[in-house]
Amino acid sequence: MEALIADIKADIEYLIKEKNSIKRKLQRLETEKDCENIDSHIKAIAGSLHSIYTGCENVLERIIHAIDGDIPLGRDYHSLLLHRAIISIENIRPQIITIETYTKLDEMCAYRHKFRNIYLYCIAPNRMLELANEGLALVDRFTDDINSFCNFLEKK
């Protein structure tokens, strides 16, 4: 379990770094006047949000594979993975994330799907700024949930 916890904590550190990167980009956007630079910051934030969702999903995959013994497969893999994370498995583990975190991750999963399937010039800047703030809150919420889960693992 110690190796699993160490891996999870390392992944969380990467998520926090990505969150801090978004914060810096948002601060730069507040004073930026050049349209090209604004566009570049928006695209960079879009990529960071993609990384945040992917990082959260990687943590859940790591936990579910190690504790449950398998991970969901199939076309709706992402939905199944998130669903598995909100259920507790009697005598094995509690839920990994809260329903609130699940809801935000599900929204971010939809964003990531869109991000992967559009041209970057199609990104709506105002919606991206909303998502950026939601992404910042998601990292905090996800980190709290995962730290609680790690506390369970440490007692096991």
N, C-alpha and C. Protein backbone atom coordinates (compact mmCIF):
# COMPACT_ATOMS: atom_id res chain seq x y z
N MET A 1 0.81 -1.21 0.00
CA MET A 1 0.00 0.00 0.00
C MET A 1 0.85 1.27 0.00
N GLU A 2 2.04 1.19 0.61
CA GLU A 2 2.87 2.40 0.68
C GLU A 2 3.26 2.90 -0.71
N ALA A 3 3.57 1.98 -1.61
CA ALA A 3 3.93 2.39 -2.97
C ALA A 3 2.74 3.03 -3.68
N LEU A 4 1.56 2.46 -3.49
CA LEU A 4 0.35 3.03 -4.10
C LEU A 4 0.11 4.44 -3.57
N ILE A 5 0.21 4.61 -2.27
CA ILE A 5 0.01 5.94 -1.67
C ILE A 5 1.05 6.92 -2.19
N ALA A 6 2.29 6.49 -2.31
CA ALA A 6 3.35 7.37 -2.82
C ALA A 6 3.06 7.78 -4.27
N ASP A 7 2.62 6.83 -5.07
CA ASP A 7 2.27 7.14 -6.47
C ASP A 7 1.11 8.13 -6.54
N ILE A 8 0.10 7.90 -5.72
CA ILE A 8 -1.07 8.79 -5.70
C ILE A 8 -0.64 10.20 -5.30
N LYS A 9 0.17 10.30 -4.26
CA LYS A 9 0.60 11.62 -3.80
C LYS A 9 1.44 12.34 -4.85
N ALA A 10 2.24 11.59 -5.59
CA ALA A 10 3.03 12.20 -6.67
C ALA A 10 2.09 12.73 -7.76
N ASP A 11 1.06 11.95 -8.09
CA ASP A 11 0.09 12.41 -9.09
C ASP A 11 -0.64 13.66 -8.61
N ILE A 12 -0.98 13.71 -7.34
CA ILE A 12 -1.66 14.89 -6.79
C ILE A 12 -0.76 16.12 -6.89
N GLU A 13 0.53 15.94 -6.66
CA GLU A 13 1.46 17.07 -6.80
C GLU A 13 1.46 17.62 -8.23
N TYR A 14 1.39 16.72 -9.21
CA TYR A 14 1.31 17.18 -10.60
C TYR A 14 0.02 17.95 -10.85
N LEU A 15 -1.08 17.48 -10.28
CA LEU A 15 -2.35 18.19 -10.43
C LEU A 15 -2.27 19.59 -9.83
N ILE A 16 -1.63 19.70 -8.68
CA ILE A 16 -1.49 21.00 -8.02
C ILE A 16 -0.61 21.93 -8.86
N LYS A 17 0.44 21.39 -9.46
CA LYS A 17 1.28 22.21 -10.35
C LYS A 17 0.49 22.70 -11.54
N GLU A 18 -0.34 21.85 -12.11
CA GLU A 18 -1.17 22.25 -13.25
C GLU A 18 -2.18 23.32 -12.82
N LYS A 19 -2.74 23.14 -11.64
CA LYS A 19 -3.68 24.14 -11.10
C LYS A 19 -2.97 25.49 -10.96
N ASN A 20 -1.78 25.48 -10.41
CA ASN A 20 -1.02 26.73 -10.24
C ASN A 20 -0.67 27.37 -11.58
N SER A 21 -0.43 26.54 -12.57
CA SER A 21 -0.17 27.05 -13.92
C SER A 21 -1.40 27.78 -14.46
N ILE A 22 -2.57 27.21 -14.25
CA ILE A 22 -3.80 27.88 -14.69
C ILE A 22 -3.99 29.20 -13.95
N LYS A 23 -3.72 29.20 -12.66
CA LYS A 23 -3.85 30.45 -11.88
C LYS A 23 -2.96 31.55 -12.45
N ARG A 24 -1.72 31.19 -12.77
CA ARG A 24 -0.80 32.18 -13.34
C ARG A 24 -1.31 32.70 -14.68
N LYS A 25 -1.81 31.80 -15.50
CA LYS A 25 -2.33 32.22 -16.81
C LYS A 25 -3.56 33.12 -16.66
N LEU A 26 -4.41 32.81 -15.71
CA LEU A 26 -5.58 33.65 -15.46
C LEU A 26 -5.16 35.05 -14.99
N GLN A 27 -4.13 35.10 -14.14
CA GLN A 27 -3.64 36.40 -13.68
C GLN A 27 -3.07 37.21 -14.84
N ARG A 28 -2.35 36.55 -15.72
CA ARG A 28 -1.80 37.25 -16.89
C ARG A 28 -2.91 37.76 -17.81
N LEU A 29 -3.97 37.00 -17.92
CA LEU A 29 -5.08 37.41 -18.77
C LEU A 29 -5.74 38.70 -18.28
N GLU A 30 -5.73 38.91 -16.97
CA GLU A 30 -6.37 40.10 -16.40
C GLU A 30 -5.75 41.39 -16.92
N THR A 31 -4.46 41.37 -17.22
CA THR A 31 -3.78 42.59 -17.65
C THR A 31 -3.38 42.58 -19.12
N GLU A 32 -3.56 41.45 -19.77
CA GLU A 32 -3.12 41.32 -21.16
C GLU A 32 -4.03 42.12 -22.10
N LYS A 33 -3.40 42.83 -23.01
CA LYS A 33 -4.15 43.64 -23.99
C LYS A 33 -4.02 43.09 -25.41
N ASP A 34 -2.92 42.41 -25.69
CA ASP A 34 -2.65 41.90 -27.03
C ASP A 34 -3.54 40.69 -27.33
N CYS A 35 -4.30 40.76 -28.40
CA CYS A 35 -5.24 39.69 -28.76
C CYS A 35 -4.55 38.34 -28.99
N GLU A 36 -3.39 38.36 -29.61
CA GLU A 36 -2.66 37.11 -29.85
C GLU A 36 -2.22 36.47 -28.54
N ASN A 37 -1.75 37.28 -27.61
CA ASN A 37 -1.35 36.75 -26.31
C ASN A 37 -2.55 36.22 -25.53
N ILE A 38 -3.66 36.93 -25.61
CA ILE A 38 -4.88 36.46 -24.94
C ILE A 38 -5.27 35.10 -25.50
N ASP A 39 -5.26 34.99 -26.82
CA ASP A 39 -5.59 33.73 -27.48
C ASP A 39 -4.64 32.61 -27.03
N SER A 40 -3.37 32.92 -26.94
CA SER A 40 -2.38 31.92 -26.51
C SER A 40 -2.63 31.46 -25.08
N HIS A 41 -2.97 32.41 -24.20
CA HIS A 41 -3.25 32.04 -22.80
C HIS A 41 -4.51 31.17 -22.71
N ILE A 42 -5.53 31.51 -23.48
CA ILE A 42 -6.77 30.73 -23.48
C ILE A 42 -6.48 29.30 -23.94
N LYS A 43 -5.70 29.16 -25.00
CA LYS A 43 -5.37 27.82 -25.51
C LYS A 43 -4.52 27.04 -24.50
N ALA A 44 -3.62 27.75 -23.83
CA ALA A 44 -2.79 27.08 -22.81
C ALA A 44 -3.65 26.61 -21.64
N ILE A 45 -4.62 27.43 -21.25
CA ILE A 45 -5.54 27.04 -20.18
C ILE A 45 -6.34 25.81 -20.61
N ALA A 46 -6.79 25.81 -21.86
CA ALA A 46 -7.55 24.66 -22.38
C ALA A 46 -6.72 23.38 -22.27
N GLY A 47 -5.46 23.46 -22.63
CA GLY A 47 -4.59 22.29 -22.52
C GLY A 47 -4.37 21.87 -21.08
N SER A 48 -4.24 22.84 -20.18
CA SER A 48 -4.05 22.52 -18.77
C SER A 48 -5.29 21.85 -18.18
N LEU A 49 -6.48 22.30 -18.60
CA LEU A 49 -7.71 21.66 -18.12
C LEU A 49 -7.77 20.21 -18.60
N HIS A 50 -7.35 19.98 -19.82
CA HIS A 50 -7.27 18.62 -20.35
C HIS A 50 -6.34 17.79 -19.46
N SER A 51 -5.21 18.35 -19.10
CA SER A 51 -4.24 17.65 -18.24
C SER A 51 -4.81 17.37 -16.86
N ILE A 52 -5.58 18.32 -16.33
CA ILE A 52 -6.17 18.11 -15.00
C ILE A 52 -7.13 16.94 -15.03
N TYR A 53 -8.02 16.91 -16.01
CA TYR A 53 -8.96 15.78 -16.07
C TYR A 53 -8.20 14.47 -16.25
N THR A 54 -7.24 14.45 -17.16
CA THR A 54 -6.47 13.24 -17.40
C THR A 54 -5.74 12.79 -16.13
N GLY A 55 -5.19 13.74 -15.40
CA GLY A 55 -4.51 13.41 -14.15
C GLY A 55 -5.45 12.81 -13.12
N CYS A 56 -6.63 13.40 -12.99
CA CYS A 56 -7.63 12.85 -12.05
C CYS A 56 -8.02 11.44 -12.46
N GLU A 57 -8.25 11.25 -13.73
CA GLU A 57 -8.62 9.93 -14.23
C GLU A 57 -7.49 8.92 -13.98
N ASN A 58 -6.25 9.34 -14.16
CA ASN A 58 -5.11 8.44 -13.90
C ASN A 58 -5.05 8.01 -12.45
N VAL A 59 -5.32 8.94 -11.53
CA VAL A 59 -5.34 8.60 -10.10
C VAL A 59 -6.43 7.56 -9.84
N LEU A 60 -7.61 7.80 -10.38
CA LEU A 60 -8.71 6.85 -10.17
C LEU A 60 -8.38 5.49 -10.77
N GLU A 61 -7.81 5.46 -11.95
CA GLU A 61 -7.40 4.19 -12.57
C GLU A 61 -6.42 3.45 -11.68
N ARG A 62 -5.44 4.19 -11.17
CA ARG A 62 -4.40 3.58 -10.32
C ARG A 62 -5.04 2.93 -9.09
N ILE A 63 -5.93 3.67 -8.44
CA ILE A 63 -6.57 3.17 -7.22
C ILE A 63 -7.47 1.98 -7.53
N ILE A 64 -8.33 2.14 -8.52
CA ILE A 64 -9.30 1.08 -8.84
C ILE A 64 -8.59 -0.19 -9.29
N HIS A 65 -7.56 -0.05 -10.08
CA HIS A 65 -6.82 -1.24 -10.52
C HIS A 65 -6.15 -1.93 -9.33
N ALA A 66 -5.53 -1.15 -8.46
CA ALA A 66 -4.80 -1.73 -7.32
C ALA A 66 -5.73 -2.33 -6.27
N ILE A 67 -6.83 -1.68 -5.99
CA ILE A 67 -7.71 -2.12 -4.90
C ILE A 67 -8.79 -3.07 -5.39
N ASP A 68 -9.46 -2.70 -6.48
CA ASP A 68 -10.57 -3.52 -6.98
C ASP A 68 -10.08 -4.71 -7.80
N GLY A 69 -8.88 -4.59 -8.36
CA GLY A 69 -8.32 -5.69 -9.13
C GLY A 69 -8.53 -5.59 -10.62
N ASP A 70 -9.38 -4.67 -11.05
CA ASP A 70 -9.60 -4.47 -12.48
C ASP A 70 -10.11 -3.05 -12.69
N ILE A 71 -10.12 -2.63 -13.94
CA ILE A 71 -10.71 -1.34 -14.28
C ILE A 71 -11.77 -1.58 -15.35
N PRO A 72 -12.78 -0.72 -15.40
CA PRO A 72 -13.82 -0.91 -16.41
C PRO A 72 -13.23 -0.84 -17.82
N LEU A 73 -13.85 -1.56 -18.72
CA LEU A 73 -13.43 -1.56 -20.12
C LEU A 73 -14.62 -1.23 -20.99
N GLY A 74 -14.35 -0.87 -22.20
CA GLY A 74 -15.43 -0.66 -23.15
C GLY A 74 -15.55 0.76 -23.63
N ARG A 75 -16.52 0.95 -24.48
CA ARG A 75 -16.73 2.23 -25.13
C ARG A 75 -17.01 3.36 -24.14
N ASP A 76 -17.79 3.07 -23.11
CA ASP A 76 -18.13 4.09 -22.12
C ASP A 76 -17.22 4.01 -20.90
N TYR A 77 -15.98 3.66 -21.16
CA TYR A 77 -14.97 3.47 -20.12
C TYR A 77 -14.90 4.63 -19.13
N HIS A 78 -14.88 5.87 -19.63
CA HIS A 78 -14.71 7.04 -18.76
C HIS A 78 -15.87 7.16 -17.78
N SER A 79 -17.08 6.98 -18.26
CA SER A 79 -18.26 7.04 -17.38
C SER A 79 -18.23 5.91 -16.36
N LEU A 80 -17.88 4.72 -16.80
CA LEU A 80 -17.82 3.58 -15.89
C LEU A 80 -16.76 3.77 -14.81
N LEU A 81 -15.63 4.32 -15.20
CA LEU A 81 -14.56 4.57 -14.23
C LEU A 81 -15.02 5.56 -13.16
N LEU A 82 -15.63 6.66 -13.59
CA LEU A 82 -16.12 7.64 -12.63
C LEU A 82 -17.20 7.04 -11.74
N HIS A 83 -18.07 6.24 -12.33
CA HIS A 83 -19.12 5.61 -11.53
C HIS A 83 -18.52 4.67 -10.50
N ARG A 84 -17.54 3.90 -10.91
CA ARG A 84 -16.89 2.97 -9.97
C ARG A 84 -16.28 3.72 -8.79
N ALA A 85 -15.80 4.93 -9.05
CA ALA A 85 -15.14 5.71 -8.00
C ALA A 85 -16.11 6.22 -6.94
N ILE A 86 -17.40 6.31 -7.26
CA ILE A 86 -18.35 6.82 -6.26
C ILE A 86 -19.04 5.72 -5.48
N ILE A 87 -18.80 4.48 -5.85
CA ILE A 87 -19.43 3.40 -5.09
C ILE A 87 -18.43 2.83 -4.08
N SER A 88 -18.97 2.42 -2.96
CA SER A 88 -18.12 1.71 -2.00
C SER A 88 -18.30 0.21 -2.26
N ILE A 89 -17.28 -0.54 -1.97
CA ILE A 89 -17.33 -1.99 -2.16
C ILE A 89 -17.14 -2.61 -0.78
N GLU A 90 -18.21 -3.25 -0.33
CA GLU A 90 -18.23 -3.79 1.02
C GLU A 90 -17.01 -4.67 1.30
N ASN A 91 -16.42 -4.44 2.45
CA ASN A 91 -15.24 -5.17 2.93
C ASN A 91 -13.99 -4.94 2.09
N ILE A 92 -14.06 -4.03 1.12
CA ILE A 92 -12.87 -3.75 0.31
C ILE A 92 -12.45 -2.29 0.42
N ARG A 93 -13.39 -1.37 0.11
CA ARG A 93 -13.02 0.04 0.18
C ARG A 93 -14.26 0.92 0.23
N PRO A 94 -14.09 2.13 0.77
CA PRO A 94 -15.18 3.11 0.70
C PRO A 94 -15.18 3.76 -0.69
N GLN A 95 -16.14 4.64 -0.92
CA GLN A 95 -16.11 5.38 -2.18
C GLN A 95 -14.82 6.19 -2.21
N ILE A 96 -14.33 6.43 -3.40
CA ILE A 96 -13.06 7.14 -3.57
C ILE A 96 -13.30 8.64 -3.64
N ILE A 97 -14.34 9.03 -4.34
CA ILE A 97 -14.68 10.45 -4.48
C ILE A 97 -16.14 10.67 -4.11
N THR A 98 -16.47 11.90 -3.77
CA THR A 98 -17.85 12.25 -3.43
C THR A 98 -18.68 12.42 -4.70
N ILE A 99 -19.98 12.45 -4.51
CA ILE A 99 -20.89 12.70 -5.63
C ILE A 99 -20.61 14.06 -6.26
N GLU A 100 -20.31 15.06 -5.42
CA GLU A 100 -20.02 16.40 -5.93
C GLU A 100 -18.79 16.38 -6.84
N THR A 101 -17.76 15.69 -6.41
CA THR A 101 -16.55 15.59 -7.23
C THR A 101 -16.84 14.81 -8.51
N TYR A 102 -17.61 13.74 -8.38
CA TYR A 102 -18.02 12.96 -9.55
C TYR A 102 -18.70 13.86 -10.58
N THR A 103 -19.63 14.69 -10.12
CA THR A 103 -20.37 15.57 -11.04
C THR A 103 -19.43 16.51 -11.77
N LYS A 104 -18.49 17.10 -11.05
CA LYS A 104 -17.54 18.02 -11.68
C LYS A 104 -16.59 17.29 -12.63
N LEU A 105 -16.17 16.09 -12.24
CA LEU A 105 -15.31 15.31 -13.14
C LEU A 105 -16.06 14.91 -14.40
N ASP A 106 -17.33 14.58 -14.26
CA ASP A 106 -18.13 14.21 -15.42
C ASP A 106 -18.25 15.39 -16.39
N GLU A 107 -18.42 16.59 -15.85
CA GLU A 107 -18.47 17.80 -16.69
C GLU A 107 -17.12 18.02 -17.38
N MET A 108 -16.04 17.81 -16.62
CA MET A 108 -14.71 18.00 -17.19
C MET A 108 -14.41 16.93 -18.24
N CYS A 109 -14.94 15.74 -18.06
CA CYS A 109 -14.77 14.68 -19.06
C CYS A 109 -15.43 15.09 -20.38
N ALA A 110 -16.61 15.68 -20.28
CA ALA A 110 -17.30 16.16 -21.49
C ALA A 110 -16.48 17.26 -22.17
N TYR A 111 -15.90 18.15 -21.35
CA TYR A 111 -15.04 19.19 -21.92
C TYR A 111 -13.85 18.56 -22.63
N ARG A 112 -13.20 17.58 -21.97
CA ARG A 112 -12.02 16.96 -22.56
C ARG A 112 -12.36 16.31 -23.90
N HIS A 113 -13.51 15.67 -23.97
CA HIS A 113 -13.94 15.05 -25.23
C HIS A 113 -14.06 16.12 -26.32
N LYS A 114 -14.66 17.24 -25.96
CA LYS A 114 -14.81 18.33 -26.93
C LYS A 114 -13.43 18.87 -27.32
N PHE A 115 -12.56 19.07 -26.33
CA PHE A 115 -11.22 19.59 -26.58
C PHE A 115 -10.47 18.72 -27.58
N ARG A 116 -10.61 17.42 -27.45
CA ARG A 116 -9.90 16.49 -28.32
C ARG A 116 -10.47 16.44 -29.73
N ASN A 117 -11.68 16.96 -29.90
CA ASN A 117 -12.35 16.80 -31.18
C ASN A 117 -12.68 18.10 -31.91
N ILE A 118 -12.09 19.22 -31.46
CA ILE A 118 -12.31 20.49 -32.16
C ILE A 118 -10.97 21.14 -32.47
N TYR A 119 -11.02 22.11 -33.35
CA TYR A 119 -9.85 22.93 -33.59
C TYR A 119 -9.76 23.95 -32.47
N LEU A 120 -8.55 24.29 -32.05
CA LEU A 120 -8.39 25.20 -30.92
C LEU A 120 -8.98 26.58 -31.18
N TYR A 121 -9.04 27.00 -32.42
CA TYR A 121 -9.62 28.32 -32.68
C TYR A 121 -11.13 28.34 -32.40
N CYS A 122 -11.74 27.18 -32.23
CA CYS A 122 -13.18 27.10 -31.94
C CYS A 122 -13.50 27.22 -30.45
N ILE A 123 -12.49 27.31 -29.62
CA ILE A 123 -12.72 27.41 -28.18
C ILE A 123 -13.36 28.75 -27.86
N ALA A 124 -14.44 28.71 -27.10
CA ALA A 124 -15.14 29.93 -26.68
C ALA A 124 -14.42 30.50 -25.46
N PRO A 125 -13.79 31.67 -25.57
CA PRO A 125 -12.99 32.22 -24.48
C PRO A 125 -13.74 32.38 -23.16
N ASN A 126 -14.95 32.90 -23.19
CA ASN A 126 -15.69 33.09 -21.94
C ASN A 126 -16.00 31.77 -21.25
N ARG A 127 -16.40 30.78 -22.03
CA ARG A 127 -16.67 29.46 -21.46
C ARG A 127 -15.38 28.85 -20.91
N MET A 128 -14.27 29.09 -21.59
CA MET A 128 -12.99 28.56 -21.13
C MET A 128 -12.62 29.16 -19.77
N LEU A 129 -12.89 30.44 -19.59
CA LEU A 129 -12.59 31.08 -18.30
C LEU A 129 -13.47 30.50 -17.19
N GLU A 130 -14.73 30.23 -17.50
CA GLU A 130 -15.61 29.57 -16.52
C GLU A 130 -15.06 28.19 -16.16
N LEU A 131 -14.70 27.43 -17.19
CA LEU A 131 -14.15 26.10 -16.96
C LEU A 131 -12.85 26.14 -16.18
N ALA A 132 -12.04 27.17 -16.43
CA ALA A 132 -10.77 27.30 -15.71
C ALA A 132 -11.03 27.43 -14.21
N ASN A 133 -11.98 28.27 -13.85
CA ASN A 133 -12.30 28.44 -12.43
C ASN A 133 -12.90 27.17 -11.84
N GLU A 134 -13.72 26.48 -12.62
CA GLU A 134 -14.25 25.19 -12.17
C GLU A 134 -13.13 24.17 -12.00
N GLY A 135 -12.15 24.21 -12.91
CA GLY A 135 -11.02 23.30 -12.82
C GLY A 135 -10.18 23.53 -11.57
N LEU A 136 -10.00 24.80 -11.20
CA LEU A 136 -9.26 25.12 -9.98
C LEU A 136 -9.97 24.52 -8.76
N ALA A 137 -11.29 24.71 -8.71
CA ALA A 137 -12.06 24.17 -7.59
C ALA A 137 -12.06 22.64 -7.61
N LEU A 138 -12.10 22.07 -8.80
CA LEU A 138 -12.09 20.61 -8.92
C LEU A 138 -10.81 20.02 -8.34
N VAL A 139 -9.67 20.62 -8.62
CA VAL A 139 -8.41 20.09 -8.09
C VAL A 139 -8.46 20.08 -6.56
N ASP A 140 -8.96 21.15 -5.96
CA ASP A 140 -9.06 21.20 -4.49
C ASP A 140 -9.98 20.11 -3.97
N ARG A 141 -11.14 19.98 -4.58
CA ARG A 141 -12.13 18.98 -4.15
C ARG A 141 -11.58 17.57 -4.34
N PHE A 142 -11.00 17.31 -5.51
CA PHE A 142 -10.44 15.99 -5.81
C PHE A 142 -9.31 15.66 -4.83
N THR A 143 -8.45 16.62 -4.58
CA THR A 143 -7.34 16.41 -3.65
C THR A 143 -7.85 16.06 -2.26
N ASP A 144 -8.87 16.77 -1.79
CA ASP A 144 -9.46 16.46 -0.48
C ASP A 144 -10.00 15.03 -0.45
N ASP A 145 -10.74 14.65 -1.50
CA ASP A 145 -11.30 13.30 -1.57
C ASP A 145 -10.20 12.24 -1.57
N ILE A 146 -9.18 12.47 -2.37
CA ILE A 146 -8.11 11.47 -2.48
C ILE A 146 -7.29 11.40 -1.19
N ASN A 147 -7.06 12.54 -0.55
CA ASN A 147 -6.36 12.51 0.74
C ASN A 147 -7.16 11.72 1.77
N SER A 148 -8.47 11.88 1.77
CA SER A 148 -9.32 11.09 2.68
C SER A 148 -9.20 9.60 2.36
N PHE A 149 -9.18 9.28 1.08
CA PHE A 149 -9.05 7.89 0.69
C PHE A 149 -7.68 7.34 1.10
N CYS A 150 -6.65 8.14 0.94
CA CYS A 150 -5.30 7.70 1.36
C CYS A 150 -5.26 7.47 2.87
N ASN A 151 -5.99 8.26 3.63
CA ASN A 151 -6.07 8.03 5.08
C ASN A 151 -6.66 6.65 5.36
N PHE A 152 -7.69 6.27 4.60
CA PHE A 152 -8.27 4.93 4.71
C PHE A 152 -7.20 3.88 4.41
N LEU A 153 -6.44 4.08 3.33
CA LEU A 153 -5.41 3.11 2.94
C LEU A 153 -4.33 2.97 4.01
N GLU A 154 -3.96 4.09 4.62
CA GLU A 154 -2.91 4.06 5.64
C GLU A 154 -3.35 3.29 6.88
N LYS A 155 -4.64 3.29 7.16
CA LYS A 155 -5.16 2.57 8.33
C LYS A 155 -5.35 1.09 8.05
N LYS A 156 -5.37 0.74 6.78
CA LYS A 156 -5.65 -0.64 6.37
C LYS A 156 -4.48 -1.55 6.66
